[in-house]
């Protein structure tokens, strides 16, 4: 049975929220480590790709789907 749009959100909202909080915590830990070292962060490819993925999702307004494939392409850059 195919889920209705509201059922998808009801079913997966908590998991998505958890995953976003995990990403926020990762970036907070990274920033704290940079601050501890007392220097500006060096260019980190993995950090950049995660940041680009979040920006893509935030700016994505696609009713066609394809977000997953776009992120897989982005992650394949490493």
PDB file of N, CA and C in Angstrom:
ATOM      1  N   UNK A   1       0.838  -1.185   0.000  1.00  0.00           N
ATOM      2  CA  UNK A   1       0.000   0.000   0.000  1.00  0.00           C
ATOM      3  C   UNK A   1       0.882   1.247   0.000  1.00  0.00           C
ATOM      4  N   UNK A   2       0.547   2.178  -0.839  1.00  0.00           N
ATOM      5  CA  UNK A   2       1.280   3.437  -0.917  1.00  0.00           C
ATOM      6  C   UNK A   2       0.806   4.375   0.187  1.00  0.00           C
ATOM      7  N   UNK A   3       1.758   5.007   0.848  1.00  0.00           N
ATOM      8  CA  UNK A   3       1.412   5.953   1.901  1.00  0.00           C
ATOM      9  C   UNK A   3       1.003   7.290   1.303  1.00  0.00           C
ATOM     10  N   UNK A   4       0.098   7.969   1.984  1.00  0.00           N
ATOM     11  CA  UNK A   4      -0.305   9.315   1.594  1.00  0.00           C
ATOM     12  C   UNK A   4       0.769  10.291   2.093  1.00  0.00           C
ATOM     13  N   UNK A   5       0.819  11.492   1.514  1.00  0.00           N
ATOM     14  CA  UNK A   5       1.860  12.442   1.920  1.00  0.00           C
ATOM     15  C   UNK A   5       1.941  12.677   3.430  1.00  0.00           C
ATOM     16  N   UNK A   6       0.808  12.881   4.090  1.00  0.00           N
ATOM     17  CA  UNK A   6       0.849  13.133   5.532  1.00  0.00           C
ATOM     18  C   UNK A   6       1.295  11.887   6.300  1.00  0.00           C
ATOM     19  N   UNK A   7       0.993  10.707   5.762  1.00  0.00           N
ATOM     20  CA  UNK A   7       1.418   9.471   6.421  1.00  0.00           C
ATOM     21  C   UNK A   7       2.935   9.298   6.340  1.00  0.00           C
ATOM     22  N   UNK A   8       3.514   9.721   5.236  1.00  0.00           N
ATOM     23  CA  UNK A   8       4.975   9.660   5.101  1.00  0.00           C
ATOM     24  C   UNK A   8       5.624  10.532   6.158  1.00  0.00           C
ATOM     25  N   UNK A   9       5.120  11.759   6.314  1.00  0.00           N
ATOM     26  CA  UNK A   9       5.674  12.650   7.342  1.00  0.00           C
ATOM     27  C   UNK A   9       5.436  12.083   8.739  1.00  0.00           C
ATOM     28  N   UNK A  10       4.243  11.580   8.993  1.00  0.00           N
ATOM     29  CA  UNK A  10       3.950  10.996  10.306  1.00  0.00           C
ATOM     30  C   UNK A  10       4.872   9.812  10.604  1.00  0.00           C
ATOM     31  N   UNK A  11       5.167   9.025   9.592  1.00  0.00           N
ATOM     32  CA  UNK A  11       5.968   7.820   9.776  1.00  0.00           C
ATOM     33  C   UNK A  11       7.451   8.129   9.942  1.00  0.00           C
ATOM     34  N   UNK A  12       7.979   9.065   9.181  1.00  0.00           N
ATOM     35  CA  UNK A  12       9.431   9.270   9.127  1.00  0.00           C
ATOM     36  C   UNK A  12       9.924  10.561   9.767  1.00  0.00           C
ATOM     37  N   UNK A  13       9.032  11.374  10.296  1.00  0.00           N
ATOM     38  CA  UNK A  13       9.425  12.664  10.855  1.00  0.00           C
ATOM     39  C   UNK A  13      10.468  12.531  11.959  1.00  0.00           C
ATOM     40  N   UNK A  14      10.228  11.648  12.921  1.00  0.00           N
ATOM     41  CA  UNK A  14      11.160  11.529  14.051  1.00  0.00           C
ATOM     42  C   UNK A  14      12.535  11.049  13.597  1.00  0.00           C
ATOM     43  N   UNK A  15      12.578  10.134  12.655  1.00  0.00           N
ATOM     44  CA  UNK A  15      13.868   9.673  12.133  1.00  0.00           C
ATOM     45  C   UNK A  15      14.602  10.801  11.421  1.00  0.00           C
ATOM     46  N   UNK A  16      13.904  11.564  10.625  1.00  0.00           N
ATOM     47  CA  UNK A  16      14.522  12.678   9.907  1.00  0.00           C
ATOM     48  C   UNK A  16      15.011  13.738  10.884  1.00  0.00           C
ATOM     49  N   UNK A  17      14.208  14.011  11.893  1.00  0.00           N
ATOM     50  CA  UNK A  17      14.606  14.991  12.916  1.00  0.00           C
ATOM     51  C   UNK A  17      15.867  14.536  13.625  1.00  0.00           C
ATOM     52  N   UNK A  18      15.924  13.240  13.966  1.00  0.00           N
ATOM     53  CA  UNK A  18      17.111  12.683  14.618  1.00  0.00           C
ATOM     54  C   UNK A  18      18.341  12.844  13.733  1.00  0.00           C
ATOM     55  N   UNK A  19      18.182  12.541  12.452  1.00  0.00           N
ATOM     56  CA  UNK A  19      19.313  12.634  11.536  1.00  0.00           C
ATOM     57  C   UNK A  19      19.805  14.075  11.392  1.00  0.00           C
ATOM     58  N   UNK A  20      18.890  15.025  11.345  1.00  0.00           N
ATOM     59  CA  UNK A  20      19.288  16.433  11.264  1.00  0.00           C
ATOM     60  C   UNK A  20      19.993  16.882  12.539  1.00  0.00           C
ATOM     61  N   UNK A  21      19.507  16.416  13.683  1.00  0.00           N
ATOM     62  CA  UNK A  21      20.182  16.742  14.943  1.00  0.00           C
ATOM     63  C   UNK A  21      21.581  16.133  14.990  1.00  0.00           C
ATOM     64  N   UNK A  22      21.750  14.943  14.446  1.00  0.00           N
ATOM     65  CA  UNK A  22      23.078  14.317  14.365  1.00  0.00           C
ATOM     66  C   UNK A  22      24.021  15.163  13.520  1.00  0.00           C
ATOM     67  N   UNK A  23      23.525  15.679  12.401  1.00  0.00           N
ATOM     68  CA  UNK A  23      24.358  16.541  11.559  1.00  0.00           C
ATOM     69  C   UNK A  23      24.717  17.837  12.272  1.00  0.00           C
ATOM     70  N   UNK A  24      23.755  18.412  12.967  1.00  0.00           N
ATOM     71  CA  UNK A  24      24.031  19.630  13.728  1.00  0.00           C
ATOM     72  C   UNK A  24      25.104  19.356  14.780  1.00  0.00           C
ATOM     73  N   UNK A  25      25.010  18.226  15.459  1.00  0.00           N
ATOM     74  CA  UNK A  25      25.997  17.863  16.480  1.00  0.00           C
ATOM     75  C   UNK A  25      27.375  17.646  15.855  1.00  0.00           C
ATOM     76  N   UNK A  26      27.414  17.018  14.678  1.00  0.00           N
ATOM     77  CA  UNK A  26      28.694  16.814  13.992  1.00  0.00           C
ATOM     78  C   UNK A  26      29.352  18.155  13.677  1.00  0.00           C
ATOM     79  N   UNK A  27      28.588  19.089  13.116  1.00  0.00           N
ATOM     80  CA  UNK A  27      29.141  20.406  12.806  1.00  0.00           C
ATOM     81  C   UNK A  27      29.548  21.150  14.076  1.00  0.00           C
ATOM     82  N   UNK A  28      28.790  21.011  15.162  1.00  0.00           N
ATOM     83  CA  UNK A  28      29.172  21.639  16.434  1.00  0.00           C
ATOM     84  C   UNK A  28      30.485  21.058  16.959  1.00  0.00           C
ATOM     85  N   UNK A  29      30.641  19.725  16.887  1.00  0.00           N
ATOM     86  CA  UNK A  29      31.887  19.098  17.338  1.00  0.00           C
ATOM     87  C   UNK A  29      33.067  19.558  16.479  1.00  0.00           C
ATOM     88  N   UNK A  30      32.829  19.650  15.184  1.00  0.00           N
ATOM     89  CA  UNK A  30      33.883  20.121  14.273  1.00  0.00           C
ATOM     90  C   UNK A  30      34.297  21.550  14.632  1.00  0.00           C
ATOM     91  N   UNK A  31      33.307  22.430  14.802  1.00  0.00           N
ATOM     92  CA  UNK A  31      33.601  23.822  15.145  1.00  0.00           C
ATOM     93  C   UNK A  31      34.342  23.919  16.474  1.00  0.00           C
ATOM     94  N   UNK A  32      33.947  23.115  17.455  1.00  0.00           N
ATOM     95  CA  UNK A  32      34.617  23.120  18.752  1.00  0.00           C
ATOM     96  C   UNK A  32      36.071  22.654  18.610  1.00  0.00           C
ATOM     97  N   UNK A  33      36.317  21.665  17.778  1.00  0.00           N
ATOM     98  CA  UNK A  33      37.685  21.176  17.563  1.00  0.00           C
ATOM     99  C   UNK A  33      38.540  22.250  16.896  1.00  0.00           C
ATOM    100  N   UNK A  34      37.962  22.960  15.942  1.00  0.00           N
ATOM    101  CA  UNK A  34      38.691  24.057  15.286  1.00  0.00           C
ATOM    102  C   UNK A  34      39.024  25.132  16.314  1.00  0.00           C
ATOM    103  N   UNK A  35      38.055  25.471  17.145  1.00  0.00           N
ATOM    104  CA  UNK A  35      38.272  26.496  18.165  1.00  0.00           C
ATOM    105  C   UNK A  35      39.346  26.062  19.156  1.00  0.00           C
ATOM    106  N   UNK A  36      39.342  24.782  19.562  1.00  0.00           N
ATOM    107  CA  UNK A  36      40.354  24.254  20.486  1.00  0.00           C
ATOM    108  C   UNK A  36      41.750  24.380  19.909  1.00  0.00           C
ATOM    109  N   UNK A  37      41.874  24.158  18.600  1.00  0.00           N
ATOM    110  CA  UNK A  37      43.182  24.258  17.959  1.00  0.00           C
ATOM    111  C   UNK A  37      43.614  25.703  17.775  1.00  0.00           C
ATOM    112  N   UNK A  38      42.682  26.633  17.927  1.00  0.00           N
ATOM    113  CA  UNK A  38      43.014  28.046  17.862  1.00  0.00           C
ATOM    114  C   UNK A  38      43.399  28.536  16.473  1.00  0.00           C
ATOM    115  N   UNK A  39      42.872  27.903  15.466  1.00  0.00           N
ATOM    116  CA  UNK A  39      43.174  28.335  14.109  1.00  0.00           C
ATOM    117  C   UNK A  39      41.913  28.260  13.262  1.00  0.00           C
ATOM    118  N   UNK A  40      42.007  28.853  12.098  1.00  0.00           N
ATOM    119  CA  UNK A  40      40.857  28.753  11.197  1.00  0.00           C
ATOM    120  C   UNK A  40      40.848  27.355  10.586  1.00  0.00           C
ATOM    121  N   UNK A  41      39.657  26.864  10.271  1.00  0.00           N
ATOM    122  CA  UNK A  41      39.582  25.500   9.731  1.00  0.00           C
ATOM    123  C   UNK A  41      40.256  25.419   8.365  1.00  0.00           C
ATOM    124  N   UNK A  42      40.973  24.344   8.152  1.00  0.00           N
ATOM    125  CA  UNK A  42      41.553  24.127   6.834  1.00  0.00           C
ATOM    126  C   UNK A  42      40.456  23.596   5.915  1.00  0.00           C
ATOM    127  N   UNK A  43      40.700  23.659   4.672  1.00  0.00           N
ATOM    128  CA  UNK A  43      39.706  23.191   3.696  1.00  0.00           C
ATOM    129  C   UNK A  43      39.559  21.682   3.837  1.00  0.00           C
ATOM    130  N   UNK A  44      38.375  21.258   4.253  1.00  0.00           N
ATOM    131  CA  UNK A  44      38.068  19.841   4.435  1.00  0.00           C
ATOM    132  C   UNK A  44      37.021  19.444   3.405  1.00  0.00           C
ATOM    133  N   UNK A  45      37.381  18.526   2.526  1.00  0.00           N
ATOM    134  CA  UNK A  45      36.477  18.126   1.451  1.00  0.00           C
ATOM    135  C   UNK A  45      35.188  17.507   2.002  1.00  0.00           C
ATOM    136  N   UNK A  46      35.301  16.664   3.025  1.00  0.00           N
ATOM    137  CA  UNK A  46      34.109  16.014   3.583  1.00  0.00           C
ATOM    138  C   UNK A  46      33.175  17.037   4.218  1.00  0.00           C
ATOM    139  N   UNK A  47      33.730  17.999   4.915  1.00  0.00           N
ATOM    140  CA  UNK A  47      32.928  19.074   5.515  1.00  0.00           C
ATOM    141  C   UNK A  47      32.209  19.848   4.417  1.00  0.00           C
ATOM    142  N   UNK A  48      32.948  20.169   3.371  1.00  0.00           N
ATOM    143  CA  UNK A  48      32.376  20.927   2.254  1.00  0.00           C
ATOM    144  C   UNK A  48      31.231  20.164   1.587  1.00  0.00           C
ATOM    145  N   UNK A  49      31.412  18.868   1.381  1.00  0.00           N
ATOM    146  CA  UNK A  49      30.367  18.079   0.716  1.00  0.00           C
ATOM    147  C   UNK A  49      29.119  17.977   1.591  1.00  0.00           C
ATOM    148  N   UNK A  50      29.290  17.769   2.895  1.00  0.00           N
ATOM    149  CA  UNK A  50      28.124  17.730   3.787  1.00  0.00           C
ATOM    150  C   UNK A  50      27.394  19.072   3.774  1.00  0.00           C
ATOM    151  N   UNK A  51      28.154  20.148   3.803  1.00  0.00           N
ATOM    152  CA  UNK A  51      27.560  21.486   3.774  1.00  0.00           C
ATOM    153  C   UNK A  51      26.807  21.709   2.467  1.00  0.00           C
ATOM    154  N   UNK A  52      27.414  21.322   1.352  1.00  0.00           N
ATOM    155  CA  UNK A  52      26.750  21.458   0.048  1.00  0.00           C
ATOM    156  C   UNK A  52      25.486  20.611  -0.021  1.00  0.00           C
ATOM    157  N   UNK A  53      25.511  19.425   0.569  1.00  0.00           N
ATOM    158  CA  UNK A  53      24.323  18.559   0.569  1.00  0.00           C
ATOM    159  C   UNK A  53      23.184  19.216   1.337  1.00  0.00           C
ATOM    160  N   UNK A  54      23.501  19.801   2.491  1.00  0.00           N
ATOM    161  CA  UNK A  54      22.463  20.483   3.268  1.00  0.00           C
ATOM    162  C   UNK A  54      21.901  21.679   2.514  1.00  0.00           C
ATOM    163  N   UNK A  55      22.778  22.442   1.884  1.00  0.00           N
ATOM    164  CA  UNK A  55      22.302  23.588   1.098  1.00  0.00           C
ATOM    165  C   UNK A  55      21.424  23.129  -0.051  1.00  0.00           C
ATOM    166  N   UNK A  56      21.817  22.045  -0.705  1.00  0.00           N
ATOM    167  CA  UNK A  56      21.013  21.514  -1.803  1.00  0.00           C
ATOM    168  C   UNK A  56      19.623  21.119  -1.315  1.00  0.00           C
ATOM    169  N   UNK A  57      19.570  20.407  -0.199  1.00  0.00           N
ATOM    170  CA  UNK A  57      18.266  19.992   0.329  1.00  0.00           C
ATOM    171  C   UNK A  57      17.432  21.190   0.757  1.00  0.00           C
ATOM    172  N   UNK A  58      18.077  22.183   1.357  1.00  0.00           N
ATOM    173  CA  UNK A  58      17.346  23.372   1.807  1.00  0.00           C
ATOM    174  C   UNK A  58      16.801  24.174   0.631  1.00  0.00           C
ATOM    175  N   UNK A  59      17.537  24.207  -0.473  1.00  0.00           N
ATOM    176  CA  UNK A  59      17.133  25.010  -1.629  1.00  0.00           C
ATOM    177  C   UNK A  59      16.356  24.214  -2.660  1.00  0.00           C
ATOM    178  N   UNK A  60      16.306  22.909  -2.490  1.00  0.00           N
ATOM    179  CA  UNK A  60      15.665  22.052  -3.473  1.00  0.00           C
ATOM    180  C   UNK A  60      14.156  22.235  -3.428  1.00  0.00           C
ATOM    181  N   UNK A  61      13.580  22.492  -4.578  1.00  0.00           N
ATOM    182  CA  UNK A  61      12.138  22.645  -4.676  1.00  0.00           C
ATOM    183  C   UNK A  61      11.649  21.779  -5.830  1.00  0.00           C
ATOM    184  N   UNK A  62      11.965  20.503  -5.728  1.00  0.00           N
ATOM    185  CA  UNK A  62      11.684  19.597  -6.827  1.00  0.00           C
ATOM    186  C   UNK A  62      10.481  18.725  -6.513  1.00  0.00           C
ATOM    187  N   UNK A  63       9.491  18.776  -7.369  1.00  0.00           N
ATOM    188  CA  UNK A  63       8.373  17.855  -7.216  1.00  0.00           C
ATOM    189  C   UNK A  63       8.627  16.588  -8.029  1.00  0.00           C
ATOM    190  N   UNK A  64       9.752  16.565  -8.722  1.00  0.00           N
ATOM    191  CA  UNK A  64      10.111  15.431  -9.563  1.00  0.00           C
ATOM    192  C   UNK A  64      10.883  14.364  -8.786  1.00  0.00           C
ATOM    193  N   UNK A  65      11.274  14.650  -7.553  1.00  0.00           N
ATOM    194  CA  UNK A  65      12.135  13.726  -6.828  1.00  0.00           C
ATOM    195  C   UNK A  65      13.560  13.911  -7.307  1.00  0.00           C
ATOM    196  N   UNK A  66      14.359  12.896  -7.175  1.00  0.00           N
ATOM    197  CA  UNK A  66      15.734  12.979  -7.653  1.00  0.00           C
ATOM    198  C   UNK A  66      16.724  13.500  -6.641  1.00  0.00           C
ATOM    199  N   UNK A  67      16.254  13.870  -5.456  1.00  0.00           N
ATOM    200  CA  UNK A  67      17.174  14.391  -4.443  1.00  0.00           C
ATOM    201  C   UNK A  67      18.189  13.331  -4.020  1.00  0.00           C
ATOM    202  N   UNK A  68      17.718  12.101  -3.883  1.00  0.00           N
ATOM    203  CA  UNK A  68      18.611  11.023  -3.454  1.00  0.00           C
ATOM    204  C   UNK A  68      19.731  10.820  -4.467  1.00  0.00           C
ATOM    205  N   UNK A  69      19.396  10.761  -5.727  1.00  0.00           N
ATOM    206  CA  UNK A  69      20.428  10.593  -6.760  1.00  0.00           C
ATOM    207  C   UNK A  69      21.380  11.774  -6.809  1.00  0.00           C
ATOM    208  N   UNK A  70      20.860  12.978  -6.623  1.00  0.00           N
ATOM    209  CA  UNK A  70      21.722  14.160  -6.614  1.00  0.00           C
ATOM    210  C   UNK A  70      22.725  14.083  -5.468  1.00  0.00           C
ATOM    211  N   UNK A  71      22.263  13.650  -4.301  1.00  0.00           N
ATOM    212  CA  UNK A  71      23.186  13.527  -3.167  1.00  0.00           C
ATOM    213  C   UNK A  71      24.175  12.392  -3.380  1.00  0.00           C
ATOM    214  N   UNK A  72      23.732  11.294  -3.956  1.00  0.00           N
ATOM    215  CA  UNK A  72      24.665  10.196  -4.250  1.00  0.00           C
ATOM    216  C   UNK A  72      25.758  10.658  -5.210  1.00  0.00           C
ATOM    217  N   UNK A  73      25.391  11.460  -6.206  1.00  0.00           N
ATOM    218  CA  UNK A  73      26.389  12.005  -7.110  1.00  0.00           C
ATOM    219  C   UNK A  73      27.363  12.910  -6.363  1.00  0.00           C
ATOM    220  N   UNK A  74      26.837  13.731  -5.474  1.00  0.00           N
ATOM    221  CA  UNK A  74      27.675  14.628  -4.684  1.00  0.00           C
ATOM    222  C   UNK A  74      28.636  13.830  -3.793  1.00  0.00           C
ATOM    223  N   UNK A  75      28.127  12.806  -3.128  1.00  0.00           N
ATOM    224  CA  UNK A  75      28.964  12.003  -2.228  1.00  0.00           C
ATOM    225  C   UNK A  75      29.998  11.177  -2.994  1.00  0.00           C
ATOM    226  N   UNK A  76      29.759  10.929  -4.257  1.00  0.00           N
ATOM    227  CA  UNK A  76      30.729  10.152  -5.041  1.00  0.00           C
ATOM    228  C   UNK A  76      31.969  10.978  -5.378  1.00  0.00           C
ATOM    229  N   UNK A  77      31.955  12.263  -5.062  1.00  0.00           N
ATOM    230  CA  UNK A  77      33.107  13.131  -5.335  1.00  0.00           C
ATOM    231  C   UNK A  77      34.290  12.811  -4.417  1.00  0.00           C
ATOM    232  N   UNK A  78      34.041  12.119  -3.327  1.00  0.00           N
ATOM    233  CA  UNK A  78      35.138  11.807  -2.394  1.00  0.00           C
ATOM    234  C   UNK A  78      35.855  10.561  -2.860  1.00  0.00           C
TER     235      UNK A  78
END
